[in-house]
Amino acid sequence: MLKIINISEIIVSILLITSILLQNRGAGLSSTFGGDFGGYYSKRGFEKFLVIFSSVLAAIFIILAVINLLISNT
């Protein structure tokens, strides 16, 4: 059981990293030095899907981590 949880946690973490890296908002420190001051805009299409997908993956990762902690302490 612990092995399945560990493998699923690794898969979820790789998917979470990928979905976060696909979101390209801000593009580094350019906004710090006065560039790209555009403000807020609404997310549409694939960008909205990535935000929701990242949130769901983060929640799943936290749940798996807690389950892993509870199982390994017994």
PDB file of N, CA and C in Angstrom:
ATOM      1  N   MET A   1       0.829  -1.199   0.000  1.00  0.00           N
ATOM      2  CA  MET A   1       0.000   0.000   0.000  1.00  0.00           C
ATOM      3  C   MET A   1       0.869   1.257   0.000  1.00  0.00           C
ATOM      4  N   LEU A   2       1.916   1.245   0.826  1.00  0.00           N
ATOM      5  CA  LEU A   2       2.813   2.393   0.922  1.00  0.00           C
ATOM      6  C   LEU A   2       3.545   2.632  -0.396  1.00  0.00           C
ATOM      7  N   LYS A   3       3.885   1.543  -1.094  1.00  0.00           N
ATOM      8  CA  LYS A   3       4.572   1.665  -2.376  1.00  0.00           C
ATOM      9  C   LYS A   3       3.684   2.335  -3.418  1.00  0.00           C
ATOM     10  N   ILE A   4       2.400   1.994  -3.423  1.00  0.00           N
ATOM     11  CA  ILE A   4       1.449   2.595  -4.368  1.00  0.00           C
ATOM     12  C   ILE A   4       1.293   4.080  -4.092  1.00  0.00           C
ATOM     13  N   ILE A   5       1.220   4.444  -2.833  1.00  0.00           N
ATOM     14  CA  ILE A   5       1.082   5.854  -2.466  1.00  0.00           C
ATOM     15  C   ILE A   5       2.333   6.628  -2.847  1.00  0.00           C
ATOM     16  N   ASN A   6       3.508   6.047  -2.627  1.00  0.00           N
ATOM     17  CA  ASN A   6       4.755   6.712  -2.993  1.00  0.00           C
ATOM     18  C   ASN A   6       4.856   6.937  -4.502  1.00  0.00           C
ATOM     19  N   ILE A   7       4.503   5.935  -5.281  1.00  0.00           N
ATOM     20  CA  ILE A   7       4.553   6.058  -6.732  1.00  0.00           C
ATOM     21  C   ILE A   7       3.542   7.087  -7.220  1.00  0.00           C
ATOM     22  N   SER A   8       2.338   7.065  -6.665  1.00  0.00           N
ATOM     23  CA  SER A   8       1.334   8.049  -7.082  1.00  0.00           C
ATOM     24  C   SER A   8       1.730   9.460  -6.664  1.00  0.00           C
ATOM     25  N   GLU A   9       2.410   9.602  -5.544  1.00  0.00           N
ATOM     26  CA  GLU A   9       2.884  10.915  -5.104  1.00  0.00           C
ATOM     27  C   GLU A   9       3.961  11.455  -6.051  1.00  0.00           C
ATOM     28  N   ILE A  10       4.823  10.582  -6.532  1.00  0.00           N
ATOM     29  CA  ILE A  10       5.841  10.993  -7.499  1.00  0.00           C
ATOM     30  C   ILE A  10       5.199  11.419  -8.808  1.00  0.00           C
ATOM     31  N   ILE A  11       4.213  10.672  -9.275  1.00  0.00           N
ATOM     32  CA  ILE A  11       3.527  11.015 -10.523  1.00  0.00           C
ATOM     33  C   ILE A  11       2.804  12.339 -10.396  1.00  0.00           C
ATOM     34  N   VAL A  12       2.103  12.542  -9.287  1.00  0.00           N
ATOM     35  CA  VAL A  12       1.382  13.798  -9.073  1.00  0.00           C
ATOM     36  C   VAL A  12       2.359  14.966  -8.983  1.00  0.00           C
ATOM     37  N   SER A  13       3.502  14.757  -8.345  1.00  0.00           N
ATOM     38  CA  SER A  13       4.472  15.854  -8.225  1.00  0.00           C
ATOM     39  C   SER A  13       5.061  16.227  -9.586  1.00  0.00           C
ATOM     40  N   ILE A  14       5.317  15.256 -10.450  1.00  0.00           N
ATOM     41  CA  ILE A  14       5.826  15.551 -11.792  1.00  0.00           C
ATOM     42  C   ILE A  14       4.773  16.302 -12.605  1.00  0.00           C
ATOM     43  N   LEU A  15       3.516  15.875 -12.506  1.00  0.00           N
ATOM     44  CA  LEU A  15       2.441  16.579 -13.214  1.00  0.00           C
ATOM     45  C   LEU A  15       2.263  18.002 -12.685  1.00  0.00           C
ATOM     46  N   LEU A  16       2.397  18.178 -11.374  1.00  0.00           N
ATOM     47  CA  LEU A  16       2.267  19.500 -10.772  1.00  0.00           C
ATOM     48  C   LEU A  16       3.395  20.423 -11.227  1.00  0.00           C
ATOM     49  N   ILE A  17       4.609  19.930 -11.257  1.00  0.00           N
ATOM     50  CA  ILE A  17       5.737  20.735 -11.732  1.00  0.00           C
ATOM     51  C   ILE A  17       5.534  21.136 -13.186  1.00  0.00           C
ATOM     52  N   THR A  18       5.089  20.190 -14.002  1.00  0.00           N
ATOM     53  CA  THR A  18       4.860  20.479 -15.418  1.00  0.00           C
ATOM     54  C   THR A  18       3.762  21.510 -15.610  1.00  0.00           C
ATOM     55  N   SER A  19       2.675  21.377 -14.879  1.00  0.00           N
ATOM     56  CA  SER A  19       1.568  22.327 -15.055  1.00  0.00           C
ATOM     57  C   SER A  19       1.942  23.719 -14.560  1.00  0.00           C
ATOM     58  N   ILE A  20       2.780  23.815 -13.547  1.00  0.00           N
ATOM     59  CA  ILE A  20       3.227  25.126 -13.074  1.00  0.00           C
ATOM     60  C   ILE A  20       4.192  25.756 -14.074  1.00  0.00           C
ATOM     61  N   LEU A  21       5.077  24.961 -14.639  1.00  0.00           N
ATOM     62  CA  LEU A  21       6.027  25.505 -15.606  1.00  0.00           C
ATOM     63  C   LEU A  21       5.364  25.927 -16.906  1.00  0.00           C
ATOM     64  N   LEU A  22       4.230  25.351 -17.245  1.00  0.00           N
ATOM     65  CA  LEU A  22       3.514  25.747 -18.456  1.00  0.00           C
ATOM     66  C   LEU A  22       2.814  27.092 -18.311  1.00  0.00           C
ATOM     67  N   GLN A  23       2.635  27.550 -17.103  1.00  0.00           N
ATOM     68  CA  GLN A  23       2.003  28.853 -16.878  1.00  0.00           C
ATOM     69  C   GLN A  23       3.079  29.924 -16.991  1.00  0.00           C
ATOM     70  N   ASN A  24       2.979  30.764 -18.004  1.00  0.00           N
ATOM     71  CA  ASN A  24       4.025  31.756 -18.234  1.00  0.00           C
ATOM     72  C   ASN A  24       3.497  33.161 -17.992  1.00  0.00           C
ATOM     73  N   ARG A  25       3.231  33.481 -16.777  1.00  0.00           N
ATOM     74  CA  ARG A  25       2.761  34.822 -16.424  1.00  0.00           C
ATOM     75  C   ARG A  25       3.897  35.581 -15.758  1.00  0.00           C
ATOM     76  N   GLY A  26       4.156  36.808 -16.202  1.00  0.00           N
ATOM     77  CA  GLY A  26       5.181  37.629 -15.597  1.00  0.00           C
ATOM     78  C   GLY A  26       6.535  37.492 -16.256  1.00  0.00           C
ATOM     79  N   ALA A  27       6.931  36.338 -16.668  1.00  0.00           N
ATOM     80  CA  ALA A  27       8.191  36.062 -17.365  1.00  0.00           C
ATOM     81  C   ALA A  27       9.394  36.651 -16.643  1.00  0.00           C
ATOM     82  N   GLY A  28       9.590  36.298 -15.411  1.00  0.00           N
ATOM     83  CA  GLY A  28      10.793  36.674 -14.689  1.00  0.00           C
ATOM     84  C   GLY A  28      10.712  38.012 -13.981  1.00  0.00           C
ATOM     85  N   LEU A  29      11.814  38.730 -13.974  1.00  0.00           N
ATOM     86  CA  LEU A  29      11.918  39.978 -13.224  1.00  0.00           C
ATOM     87  C   LEU A  29      11.612  41.209 -14.075  1.00  0.00           C
ATOM     88  N   SER A  30      11.063  41.039 -15.262  1.00  0.00           N
ATOM     89  CA  SER A  30      10.835  42.200 -16.122  1.00  0.00           C
ATOM     90  C   SER A  30       9.833  43.182 -15.526  1.00  0.00           C
ATOM     91  N   SER A  31       8.848  42.685 -14.788  1.00  0.00           N
ATOM     92  CA  SER A  31       7.867  43.586 -14.181  1.00  0.00           C
ATOM     93  C   SER A  31       8.456  44.352 -12.993  1.00  0.00           C
ATOM     94  N   THR A  32       9.513  43.841 -12.406  1.00  0.00           N
ATOM     95  CA  THR A  32      10.148  44.523 -11.285  1.00  0.00           C
ATOM     96  C   THR A  32      10.817  45.821 -11.730  1.00  0.00           C
ATOM     97  N   PHE A  33      11.363  45.811 -12.929  1.00  0.00           N
ATOM     98  CA  PHE A  33      12.100  46.968 -13.431  1.00  0.00           C
ATOM     99  C   PHE A  33      11.256  47.844 -14.343  1.00  0.00           C
ATOM    100  N   GLY A  34       9.949  47.785 -14.228  1.00  0.00           N
ATOM    101  CA  GLY A  34       9.075  48.706 -14.932  1.00  0.00           C
ATOM    102  C   GLY A  34       8.454  48.187 -16.209  1.00  0.00           C
ATOM    103  N   GLY A  35       8.761  47.008 -16.628  1.00  0.00           N
ATOM    104  CA  GLY A  35       8.190  46.480 -17.858  1.00  0.00           C
ATOM    105  C   GLY A  35       6.944  45.669 -17.600  1.00  0.00           C
ATOM    106  N   ASP A  36       6.081  45.595 -18.577  1.00  0.00           N
ATOM    107  CA  ASP A  36       4.867  44.773 -18.536  1.00  0.00           C
ATOM    108  C   ASP A  36       4.006  45.094 -17.319  1.00  0.00           C
ATOM    109  N   PHE A  37       3.480  46.287 -17.305  1.00  0.00           N
ATOM    110  CA  PHE A  37       2.671  46.756 -16.188  1.00  0.00           C
ATOM    111  C   PHE A  37       1.187  46.549 -16.454  1.00  0.00           C
ATOM    112  N   GLY A  38       0.833  45.589 -17.298  1.00  0.00           N
ATOM    113  CA  GLY A  38      -0.500  45.420 -17.848  1.00  0.00           C
ATOM    114  C   GLY A  38      -1.630  45.275 -16.858  1.00  0.00           C
ATOM    115  N   GLY A  39      -1.402  44.723 -15.700  1.00  0.00           N
ATOM    116  CA  GLY A  39      -2.471  44.537 -14.741  1.00  0.00           C
ATOM    117  C   GLY A  39      -3.107  43.174 -14.863  1.00  0.00           C
ATOM    118  N   TYR A  40      -4.281  43.028 -14.287  1.00  0.00           N
ATOM    119  CA  TYR A  40      -4.964  41.738 -14.236  1.00  0.00           C
ATOM    120  C   TYR A  40      -5.829  41.544 -15.471  1.00  0.00           C
ATOM    121  N   TYR A  41      -5.851  40.359 -15.980  1.00  0.00           N
ATOM    122  CA  TYR A  41      -6.746  39.998 -17.071  1.00  0.00           C
ATOM    123  C   TYR A  41      -7.363  38.646 -16.762  1.00  0.00           C
ATOM    124  N   SER A  42      -8.516  38.392 -17.354  1.00  0.00           N
ATOM    125  CA  SER A  42      -9.203  37.137 -17.051  1.00  0.00           C
ATOM    126  C   SER A  42      -8.580  35.995 -17.845  1.00  0.00           C
ATOM    127  N   LYS A  43      -8.514  34.851 -17.211  1.00  0.00           N
ATOM    128  CA  LYS A  43      -7.928  33.680 -17.841  1.00  0.00           C
ATOM    129  C   LYS A  43      -8.995  32.983 -18.671  1.00  0.00           C
ATOM    130  N   ARG A  44      -8.579  32.526 -19.836  1.00  0.00           N
ATOM    131  CA  ARG A  44      -9.519  31.839 -20.726  1.00  0.00           C
ATOM    132  C   ARG A  44      -8.862  30.602 -21.309  1.00  0.00           C
ATOM    133  N   GLY A  45      -9.675  29.646 -21.650  1.00  0.00           N
ATOM    134  CA  GLY A  45      -9.218  28.471 -22.372  1.00  0.00           C
ATOM    135  C   GLY A  45      -8.229  27.616 -21.607  1.00  0.00           C
ATOM    136  N   PHE A  46      -7.108  27.342 -22.277  1.00  0.00           N
ATOM    137  CA  PHE A  46      -6.111  26.427 -21.722  1.00  0.00           C
ATOM    138  C   PHE A  46      -5.453  26.999 -20.475  1.00  0.00           C
ATOM    139  N   GLU A  47      -5.302  28.316 -20.415  1.00  0.00           N
ATOM    140  CA  GLU A  47      -4.703  28.951 -19.243  1.00  0.00           C
ATOM    141  C   GLU A  47      -5.578  28.743 -17.997  1.00  0.00           C
ATOM    142  N   LYS A  48      -6.882  28.850 -18.170  1.00  0.00           N
ATOM    143  CA  LYS A  48      -7.809  28.614 -17.055  1.00  0.00           C
ATOM    144  C   LYS A  48      -7.759  27.151 -16.628  1.00  0.00           C
ATOM    145  N   PHE A  49      -7.680  26.256 -17.611  1.00  0.00           N
ATOM    146  CA  PHE A  49      -7.570  24.831 -17.316  1.00  0.00           C
ATOM    147  C   PHE A  49      -6.305  24.539 -16.514  1.00  0.00           C
ATOM    148  N   LEU A  50      -5.185  25.172 -16.885  1.00  0.00           N
ATOM    149  CA  LEU A  50      -3.935  24.942 -16.168  1.00  0.00           C
ATOM    150  C   LEU A  50      -4.004  25.406 -14.721  1.00  0.00           C
ATOM    151  N   VAL A  51      -4.658  26.528 -14.476  1.00  0.00           N
ATOM    152  CA  VAL A  51      -4.779  27.032 -13.110  1.00  0.00           C
ATOM    153  C   VAL A  51      -5.608  26.074 -12.262  1.00  0.00           C
ATOM    154  N   ILE A  52      -6.734  25.640 -12.787  1.00  0.00           N
ATOM    155  CA  ILE A  52      -7.598  24.706 -12.053  1.00  0.00           C
ATOM    156  C   ILE A  52      -6.898  23.361 -11.868  1.00  0.00           C
ATOM    157  N   PHE A  53      -6.232  22.887 -12.928  1.00  0.00           N
ATOM    158  CA  PHE A  53      -5.513  21.612 -12.876  1.00  0.00           C
ATOM    159  C   PHE A  53      -4.399  21.657 -11.835  1.00  0.00           C
ATOM    160  N   SER A  54      -3.670  22.764 -11.763  1.00  0.00           N
ATOM    161  CA  SER A  54      -2.597  22.910 -10.776  1.00  0.00           C
ATOM    162  C   SER A  54      -3.153  22.913  -9.357  1.00  0.00           C
ATOM    163  N   SER A  55      -4.278  23.567  -9.165  1.00  0.00           N
ATOM    164  CA  SER A  55      -4.888  23.596  -7.834  1.00  0.00           C
ATOM    165  C   SER A  55      -5.350  22.217  -7.397  1.00  0.00           C
ATOM    166  N   VAL A  56      -5.954  21.489  -8.312  1.00  0.00           N
ATOM    167  CA  VAL A  56      -6.421  20.129  -7.999  1.00  0.00           C
ATOM    168  C   VAL A  56      -5.234  19.220  -7.705  1.00  0.00           C
ATOM    169  N   LEU A  57      -4.176  19.325  -8.518  1.00  0.00           N
ATOM    170  CA  LEU A  57      -2.990  18.499  -8.280  1.00  0.00           C
ATOM    171  C   LEU A  57      -2.326  18.833  -6.951  1.00  0.00           C
ATOM    172  N   ALA A  58      -2.304  20.109  -6.580  1.00  0.00           N
ATOM    173  CA  ALA A  58      -1.726  20.489  -5.292  1.00  0.00           C
ATOM    174  C   ALA A  58      -2.523  19.898  -4.142  1.00  0.00           C
ATOM    175  N   ALA A  59      -3.854  19.924  -4.252  1.00  0.00           N
ATOM    176  CA  ALA A  59      -4.700  19.345  -3.211  1.00  0.00           C
ATOM    177  C   ALA A  59      -4.494  17.833  -3.118  1.00  0.00           C
ATOM    178  N   ILE A  60      -4.407  17.171  -4.268  1.00  0.00           N
ATOM    179  CA  ILE A  60      -4.171  15.721  -4.282  1.00  0.00           C
ATOM    180  C   ILE A  60      -2.814  15.397  -3.676  1.00  0.00           C
ATOM    181  N   PHE A  61      -1.794  16.209  -3.995  1.00  0.00           N
ATOM    182  CA  PHE A  61      -0.455  15.984  -3.451  1.00  0.00           C
ATOM    183  C   PHE A  61      -0.445  16.109  -1.929  1.00  0.00           C
ATOM    184  N   ILE A  62      -1.136  17.110  -1.402  1.00  0.00           N
ATOM    185  CA  ILE A  62      -1.196  17.299   0.053  1.00  0.00           C
ATOM    186  C   ILE A  62      -1.914  16.129   0.719  1.00  0.00           C
ATOM    187  N   ILE A  63      -3.015  15.697   0.119  1.00  0.00           N
ATOM    188  CA  ILE A  63      -3.766  14.558   0.674  1.00  0.00           C
ATOM    189  C   ILE A  63      -2.901  13.296   0.672  1.00  0.00           C
ATOM    190  N   LEU A  64      -2.183  13.052  -0.446  1.00  0.00           N
ATOM    191  CA  LEU A  64      -1.312  11.874  -0.505  1.00  0.00           C
ATOM    192  C   LEU A  64      -0.178  11.959   0.509  1.00  0.00           C
ATOM    193  N   ALA A  65       0.355  13.158   0.724  1.00  0.00           N
ATOM    194  CA  ALA A  65       1.430  13.319   1.703  1.00  0.00           C
ATOM    195  C   ALA A  65       0.936  13.028   3.117  1.00  0.00           C
ATOM    196  N   VAL A  66      -0.269  13.480   3.442  1.00  0.00           N
ATOM    197  CA  VAL A  66      -0.832  13.213   4.769  1.00  0.00           C
ATOM    198  C   VAL A  66      -1.107  11.726   4.949  1.00  0.00           C
ATOM    199  N   ILE A  67      -1.656  11.092   3.919  1.00  0.00           N
ATOM    200  CA  ILE A  67      -1.913   9.647   3.987  1.00  0.00           C
ATOM    201  C   ILE A  67      -0.600   8.881   4.150  1.00  0.00           C
ATOM    202  N   ASN A  68       0.421   9.308   3.406  1.00  0.00           N
ATOM    203  CA  ASN A  68       1.729   8.672   3.521  1.00  0.00           C
ATOM    204  C   ASN A  68       2.296   8.832   4.924  1.00  0.00           C
ATOM    205  N   LEU A  69       2.127   9.990   5.512  1.00  0.00           N
ATOM    206  CA  LEU A  69       2.595  10.232   6.872  1.00  0.00           C
ATOM    207  C   LEU A  69       1.856   9.359   7.886  1.00  0.00           C
ATOM    208  N   LEU A  70       0.539   9.253   7.725  1.00  0.00           N
ATOM    209  CA  LEU A  70      -0.253   8.452   8.652  1.00  0.00           C
ATOM    210  C   LEU A  70       0.077   6.963   8.540  1.00  0.00           C
ATOM    211  N   ILE A  71       0.261   6.478   7.337  1.00  0.00           N
ATOM    212  CA  ILE A  71       0.554   5.050   7.146  1.00  0.00           C
ATOM    213  C   ILE A  71       1.964   4.714   7.643  1.00  0.00           C
ATOM    214  N   SER A  72       2.933   5.603   7.388  1.00  0.00           N
ATOM    215  CA  SER A  72       4.312   5.289   7.785  1.00  0.00           C
ATOM    216  C   SER A  72       4.520   5.372   9.299  1.00  0.00           C
ATOM    217  N   ASN A  73       3.647   6.093  10.012  1.00  0.00           N
ATOM    218  CA  ASN A  73       3.782   6.193  11.469  1.00  0.00           C
ATOM    219  C   ASN A  73       3.094   5.065  12.228  1.00  0.00           C
ATOM    220  N   THR A  74       2.368   4.214  11.565  1.00  0.00           N
ATOM    221  CA  THR A  74       1.678   3.129  12.255  1.00  0.00           C
ATOM    222  C   THR A  74       2.529   1.913  12.439  1.00  0.00           C
TER     223      THR A  74
END
